[in-house]
Amino acid sequence: DQPRSRGLGDVYKRQGGNFLGLFENNKLLASKKADLLCLSEHGMNVLHVAVNKNYPDIVKMLLVNYSFPLNQQTKQGLTALSIAVFRQHHECLDILINAGADLELFNAQNMTPL
């Protein structure tokens, strides 16, 4: 297991648990030296969370401004794409597909997003 960084979580808590507020001002993240690649206890990264919460603008920003790992899997083998499919977040789904998300990556249940 990778060591968990608490950088982003600390900033998140200081924002009062306002996930969207973290990204309204990129300077806040930079000034706090938040680690955007940190993982939750379930192996979710910030891209997974943005898709799960249906924040397409943040999804775009992460992929364009931060070259985020598009096909990173959670401990259950979920990708941002598979979360978008399951949650029926169509705008996030379109963004991920256009960015080149792997449509055939298997999760822990041996299923693909298709």
N, C-alpha and C. Protein backbone atom coordinates (compact mmCIF):
# COMPACT_ATOMS: atom_id res chain seq x y z
N ASP A 1 0.82 -1.19 0.00
CA ASP A 1 0.00 0.00 0.00
C ASP A 1 0.86 1.25 0.00
N GLN A 2 0.38 2.26 -0.71
CA GLN A 2 1.06 3.55 -0.71
C GLN A 2 0.74 4.29 0.57
N PRO A 3 1.72 5.04 1.12
CA PRO A 3 1.39 5.85 2.28
C PRO A 3 0.39 6.94 1.88
N ARG A 4 -0.58 7.17 2.74
CA ARG A 4 -1.60 8.17 2.46
C ARG A 4 -1.09 9.55 2.81
N SER A 5 -1.23 10.48 1.89
CA SER A 5 -0.90 11.86 2.18
C SER A 5 -2.13 12.52 2.76
N ARG A 6 -1.93 13.34 3.73
CA ARG A 6 -3.06 14.03 4.32
C ARG A 6 -3.13 15.49 3.86
N GLY A 7 -2.27 15.85 2.91
CA GLY A 7 -2.22 17.23 2.44
C GLY A 7 -3.55 17.75 1.96
N LEU A 8 -4.17 17.06 1.03
CA LEU A 8 -5.44 17.53 0.47
C LEU A 8 -6.54 17.46 1.52
N GLY A 9 -6.54 16.40 2.32
CA GLY A 9 -7.55 16.27 3.36
C GLY A 9 -7.49 17.39 4.37
N ASP A 10 -6.29 17.82 4.73
CA ASP A 10 -6.14 18.93 5.66
C ASP A 10 -6.73 20.21 5.09
N VAL A 11 -6.43 20.49 3.83
CA VAL A 11 -6.98 21.68 3.18
C VAL A 11 -8.49 21.56 3.09
N TYR A 12 -8.97 20.36 2.75
CA TYR A 12 -10.41 20.10 2.63
C TYR A 12 -11.12 20.41 3.95
N LYS A 13 -10.56 19.95 5.05
CA LYS A 13 -11.17 20.19 6.36
C LYS A 13 -11.20 21.67 6.69
N ARG A 14 -10.13 22.37 6.33
CA ARG A 14 -10.07 23.81 6.60
C ARG A 14 -11.10 24.57 5.78
N GLN A 15 -11.51 24.02 4.66
CA GLN A 15 -12.54 24.63 3.81
C GLN A 15 -13.93 24.25 4.31
N GLY A 16 -14.02 23.59 5.44
CA GLY A 16 -15.30 23.19 5.98
C GLY A 16 -15.92 22.02 5.25
N GLY A 17 -15.10 21.18 4.64
CA GLY A 17 -15.61 20.02 3.93
C GLY A 17 -16.22 20.38 2.59
N ASN A 18 -15.89 21.57 2.08
CA ASN A 18 -16.43 22.04 0.80
C ASN A 18 -15.50 21.60 -0.32
N PHE A 19 -15.80 20.47 -0.93
CA PHE A 19 -14.94 19.92 -1.98
C PHE A 19 -14.81 20.89 -3.14
N LEU A 20 -15.93 21.43 -3.59
CA LEU A 20 -15.90 22.35 -4.72
C LEU A 20 -15.08 23.58 -4.39
N GLY A 21 -15.14 24.04 -3.14
CA GLY A 21 -14.38 25.21 -2.72
C GLY A 21 -12.88 25.03 -2.85
N LEU A 22 -12.41 23.80 -2.79
CA LEU A 22 -10.99 23.54 -2.95
C LEU A 22 -10.49 24.00 -4.32
N PHE A 23 -11.34 23.90 -5.30
CA PHE A 23 -10.91 24.14 -6.67
C PHE A 23 -11.38 25.47 -7.23
N GLU A 24 -12.14 26.22 -6.46
CA GLU A 24 -12.60 27.52 -6.94
C GLU A 24 -11.42 28.48 -7.03
N ASN A 25 -10.38 28.20 -6.27
CA ASN A 25 -9.20 29.04 -6.30
C ASN A 25 -7.98 28.14 -6.29
N ASN A 26 -7.40 27.90 -7.44
CA ASN A 26 -6.23 27.01 -7.54
C ASN A 26 -5.09 27.49 -6.67
N LYS A 27 -5.04 28.79 -6.40
CA LYS A 27 -3.96 29.33 -5.58
C LYS A 27 -4.04 28.80 -4.16
N LEU A 28 -5.24 28.51 -3.67
CA LEU A 28 -5.39 27.95 -2.33
C LEU A 28 -4.67 26.62 -2.26
N LEU A 29 -4.87 25.77 -3.24
CA LEU A 29 -4.21 24.46 -3.26
C LEU A 29 -2.70 24.61 -3.33
N ALA A 30 -2.25 25.52 -4.18
CA ALA A 30 -0.81 25.71 -4.33
C ALA A 30 -0.20 26.28 -3.05
N SER A 31 -0.88 27.23 -2.43
CA SER A 31 -0.33 27.86 -1.23
C SER A 31 -0.26 26.88 -0.07
N LYS A 32 -1.15 25.93 -0.02
CA LYS A 32 -1.16 24.94 1.05
C LYS A 32 -0.33 23.71 0.69
N LYS A 33 0.24 23.74 -0.54
CA LYS A 33 1.04 22.61 -1.05
C LYS A 33 0.28 21.28 -0.91
N ALA A 34 -0.99 21.34 -1.27
CA ALA A 34 -1.84 20.15 -1.17
C ALA A 34 -1.39 19.10 -2.18
N ASP A 35 -1.39 17.87 -1.75
CA ASP A 35 -1.01 16.75 -2.61
C ASP A 35 -2.26 16.23 -3.30
N LEU A 36 -2.43 16.60 -4.56
CA LEU A 36 -3.63 16.20 -5.30
C LEU A 36 -3.64 14.72 -5.64
N LEU A 37 -2.52 14.06 -5.51
CA LEU A 37 -2.46 12.63 -5.83
C LEU A 37 -2.68 11.74 -4.62
N CYS A 38 -3.03 12.35 -3.49
CA CYS A 38 -3.25 11.53 -2.29
C CYS A 38 -4.49 10.65 -2.49
N LEU A 39 -4.53 9.56 -1.76
CA LEU A 39 -5.62 8.60 -1.88
C LEU A 39 -6.39 8.50 -0.57
N SER A 40 -7.69 8.24 -0.68
CA SER A 40 -8.50 7.99 0.50
C SER A 40 -8.21 6.58 1.01
N GLU A 41 -8.81 6.23 2.11
CA GLU A 41 -8.61 4.87 2.63
C GLU A 41 -9.14 3.81 1.68
N HIS A 42 -10.02 4.21 0.76
CA HIS A 42 -10.57 3.27 -0.23
C HIS A 42 -9.81 3.33 -1.55
N GLY A 43 -8.74 4.12 -1.56
CA GLY A 43 -7.93 4.23 -2.78
C GLY A 43 -8.49 5.20 -3.80
N MET A 44 -9.41 6.07 -3.37
CA MET A 44 -9.97 7.06 -4.28
C MET A 44 -9.07 8.29 -4.34
N ASN A 45 -8.86 8.79 -5.56
CA ASN A 45 -8.13 10.04 -5.70
C ASN A 45 -9.14 11.16 -5.94
N VAL A 46 -8.64 12.36 -6.09
CA VAL A 46 -9.54 13.51 -6.22
C VAL A 46 -10.35 13.45 -7.52
N LEU A 47 -9.81 12.83 -8.56
CA LEU A 47 -10.59 12.67 -9.80
C LEU A 47 -11.78 11.75 -9.57
N HIS A 48 -11.58 10.67 -8.86
CA HIS A 48 -12.69 9.76 -8.53
C HIS A 48 -13.78 10.53 -7.78
N VAL A 49 -13.37 11.34 -6.81
CA VAL A 49 -14.33 12.08 -6.00
C VAL A 49 -15.06 13.13 -6.84
N ALA A 50 -14.33 13.84 -7.70
CA ALA A 50 -14.97 14.85 -8.55
C ALA A 50 -16.02 14.21 -9.46
N VAL A 51 -15.71 13.05 -10.01
CA VAL A 51 -16.68 12.34 -10.87
C VAL A 51 -17.85 11.86 -10.03
N ASN A 52 -17.56 11.29 -8.87
CA ASN A 52 -18.62 10.78 -8.00
C ASN A 52 -19.59 11.89 -7.59
N LYS A 53 -19.06 13.08 -7.36
CA LYS A 53 -19.90 14.21 -6.95
C LYS A 53 -20.46 14.98 -8.15
N ASN A 54 -20.11 14.55 -9.36
CA ASN A 54 -20.59 15.15 -10.60
C ASN A 54 -20.17 16.61 -10.75
N TYR A 55 -18.85 16.83 -10.71
CA TYR A 55 -18.27 18.15 -10.91
C TYR A 55 -17.47 18.14 -12.21
N PRO A 56 -18.15 18.24 -13.36
CA PRO A 56 -17.44 18.14 -14.64
C PRO A 56 -16.37 19.21 -14.83
N ASP A 57 -16.57 20.42 -14.33
CA ASP A 57 -15.55 21.46 -14.48
C ASP A 57 -14.27 21.09 -13.75
N ILE A 58 -14.40 20.47 -12.60
CA ILE A 58 -13.22 20.04 -11.85
C ILE A 58 -12.56 18.86 -12.56
N VAL A 59 -13.35 17.97 -13.10
CA VAL A 59 -12.80 16.84 -13.86
C VAL A 59 -11.94 17.37 -15.01
N LYS A 60 -12.47 18.34 -15.77
CA LYS A 60 -11.72 18.95 -16.87
C LYS A 60 -10.43 19.58 -16.36
N MET A 61 -10.53 20.34 -15.28
CA MET A 61 -9.37 21.03 -14.74
C MET A 61 -8.28 20.05 -14.32
N LEU A 62 -8.68 18.96 -13.65
CA LEU A 62 -7.70 17.98 -13.20
C LEU A 62 -6.98 17.33 -14.38
N LEU A 63 -7.72 17.05 -15.43
CA LEU A 63 -7.12 16.38 -16.59
C LEU A 63 -6.25 17.32 -17.42
N VAL A 64 -6.65 18.57 -17.52
CA VAL A 64 -5.91 19.53 -18.35
C VAL A 64 -4.76 20.18 -17.56
N ASN A 65 -5.07 20.72 -16.39
CA ASN A 65 -4.08 21.50 -15.64
C ASN A 65 -3.11 20.65 -14.83
N TYR A 66 -3.52 19.47 -14.45
CA TYR A 66 -2.71 18.66 -13.56
C TYR A 66 -2.28 17.33 -14.16
N SER A 67 -2.63 17.07 -15.42
CA SER A 67 -2.28 15.80 -16.07
C SER A 67 -2.56 14.61 -15.15
N PHE A 68 -3.77 14.56 -14.66
CA PHE A 68 -4.15 13.56 -13.68
C PHE A 68 -4.15 12.15 -14.27
N PRO A 69 -3.81 11.15 -13.47
CA PRO A 69 -3.81 9.76 -13.96
C PRO A 69 -5.24 9.30 -14.27
N LEU A 70 -5.56 9.23 -15.52
CA LEU A 70 -6.93 9.00 -15.99
C LEU A 70 -7.49 7.63 -15.61
N ASN A 71 -6.67 6.60 -15.64
CA ASN A 71 -7.17 5.24 -15.43
C ASN A 71 -6.77 4.64 -14.08
N GLN A 72 -6.40 5.49 -13.13
CA GLN A 72 -6.04 4.98 -11.81
C GLN A 72 -7.25 4.30 -11.17
N GLN A 73 -7.00 3.14 -10.56
CA GLN A 73 -8.09 2.35 -9.98
C GLN A 73 -8.09 2.46 -8.45
N THR A 74 -9.30 2.40 -7.88
CA THR A 74 -9.46 2.35 -6.44
C THR A 74 -9.11 0.93 -5.97
N LYS A 75 -9.20 0.70 -4.67
CA LYS A 75 -8.94 -0.65 -4.15
C LYS A 75 -9.92 -1.67 -4.71
N GLN A 76 -11.10 -1.22 -5.12
CA GLN A 76 -12.10 -2.11 -5.71
C GLN A 76 -11.95 -2.20 -7.23
N GLY A 77 -10.92 -1.53 -7.75
CA GLY A 77 -10.68 -1.58 -9.18
C GLY A 77 -11.50 -0.60 -9.99
N LEU A 78 -12.16 0.35 -9.32
CA LEU A 78 -12.98 1.33 -10.03
C LEU A 78 -12.11 2.44 -10.60
N THR A 79 -12.44 2.87 -11.79
CA THR A 79 -11.80 4.04 -12.39
C THR A 79 -12.81 5.19 -12.36
N ALA A 80 -12.34 6.38 -12.68
CA ALA A 80 -13.24 7.52 -12.77
C ALA A 80 -14.34 7.23 -13.80
N LEU A 81 -13.96 6.57 -14.90
CA LEU A 81 -14.93 6.23 -15.94
C LEU A 81 -16.00 5.28 -15.42
N SER A 82 -15.60 4.25 -14.70
CA SER A 82 -16.60 3.30 -14.20
C SER A 82 -17.52 3.96 -13.17
N ILE A 83 -16.99 4.91 -12.41
CA ILE A 83 -17.84 5.67 -11.46
C ILE A 83 -18.84 6.52 -12.23
N ALA A 84 -18.38 7.18 -13.29
CA ALA A 84 -19.28 8.02 -14.10
C ALA A 84 -20.39 7.19 -14.73
N VAL A 85 -20.05 5.99 -15.20
CA VAL A 85 -21.05 5.10 -15.80
C VAL A 85 -22.07 4.68 -14.74
N PHE A 86 -21.59 4.21 -13.60
CA PHE A 86 -22.47 3.74 -12.53
C PHE A 86 -23.38 4.85 -12.02
N ARG A 87 -22.83 6.06 -11.85
CA ARG A 87 -23.61 7.18 -11.31
C ARG A 87 -24.41 7.92 -12.40
N GLN A 88 -24.22 7.52 -13.65
CA GLN A 88 -24.91 8.14 -14.79
C GLN A 88 -24.63 9.64 -14.88
N HIS A 89 -23.36 9.99 -14.68
CA HIS A 89 -22.93 11.38 -14.79
C HIS A 89 -22.40 11.59 -16.21
N HIS A 90 -23.33 11.90 -17.11
CA HIS A 90 -23.07 11.90 -18.54
C HIS A 90 -22.01 12.91 -18.97
N GLU A 91 -22.02 14.11 -18.40
CA GLU A 91 -21.02 15.10 -18.80
C GLU A 91 -19.62 14.65 -18.40
N CYS A 92 -19.49 14.12 -17.19
CA CYS A 92 -18.19 13.59 -16.74
C CYS A 92 -17.78 12.43 -17.63
N LEU A 93 -18.72 11.59 -17.97
CA LEU A 93 -18.47 10.44 -18.84
C LEU A 93 -17.90 10.89 -20.18
N ASP A 94 -18.53 11.88 -20.80
CA ASP A 94 -18.05 12.40 -22.08
C ASP A 94 -16.63 12.96 -21.97
N ILE A 95 -16.37 13.69 -20.91
CA ILE A 95 -15.04 14.27 -20.70
C ILE A 95 -13.99 13.16 -20.60
N LEU A 96 -14.29 12.14 -19.82
CA LEU A 96 -13.34 11.05 -19.60
C LEU A 96 -13.09 10.25 -20.87
N ILE A 97 -14.14 9.98 -21.62
CA ILE A 97 -13.99 9.24 -22.88
C ILE A 97 -13.16 10.06 -23.87
N ASN A 98 -13.47 11.35 -23.98
CA ASN A 98 -12.73 12.21 -24.91
C ASN A 98 -11.27 12.38 -24.48
N ALA A 99 -11.00 12.22 -23.20
CA ALA A 99 -9.62 12.32 -22.69
C ALA A 99 -8.85 11.02 -22.90
N GLY A 100 -9.55 9.96 -23.32
CA GLY A 100 -8.87 8.70 -23.61
C GLY A 100 -8.95 7.65 -22.52
N ALA A 101 -9.98 7.73 -21.66
CA ALA A 101 -10.13 6.72 -20.61
C ALA A 101 -10.25 5.33 -21.22
N ASP A 102 -9.67 4.36 -20.52
CA ASP A 102 -9.69 2.97 -20.99
C ASP A 102 -11.08 2.37 -20.78
N LEU A 103 -11.74 2.05 -21.88
CA LEU A 103 -13.09 1.50 -21.83
C LEU A 103 -13.12 0.01 -21.49
N GLU A 104 -11.97 -0.64 -21.50
CA GLU A 104 -11.92 -2.08 -21.31
C GLU A 104 -11.13 -2.50 -20.07
N LEU A 105 -10.88 -1.57 -19.17
CA LEU A 105 -10.13 -1.89 -17.95
C LEU A 105 -11.04 -2.62 -16.97
N PHE A 106 -10.61 -3.77 -16.50
CA PHE A 106 -11.42 -4.59 -15.60
C PHE A 106 -11.30 -4.12 -14.15
N ASN A 107 -12.42 -4.19 -13.41
CA ASN A 107 -12.40 -3.90 -11.98
C ASN A 107 -12.25 -5.19 -11.19
N ALA A 108 -12.37 -5.11 -9.87
CA ALA A 108 -12.18 -6.28 -9.00
C ALA A 108 -13.24 -7.37 -9.25
N GLN A 109 -14.39 -7.00 -9.81
CA GLN A 109 -15.45 -7.96 -10.12
C GLN A 109 -15.35 -8.48 -11.56
N ASN A 110 -14.19 -8.20 -12.19
CA ASN A 110 -13.93 -8.64 -13.55
C ASN A 110 -14.93 -8.05 -14.56
N MET A 111 -15.30 -6.77 -14.32
CA MET A 111 -16.23 -6.06 -15.20
C MET A 111 -15.55 -4.83 -15.75
N THR A 112 -15.96 -4.42 -16.95
CA THR A 112 -15.48 -3.17 -17.56
C THR A 112 -16.58 -2.14 -17.44
N PRO A 113 -16.27 -0.86 -17.68
CA PRO A 113 -17.31 0.17 -17.67
C PRO A 113 -18.40 -0.05 -18.71
N LEU A 114 -18.08 -0.80 -19.76
CA LEU A 114 -19.08 -1.06 -20.80
C LEU A 114 -20.08 -2.08 -20.33
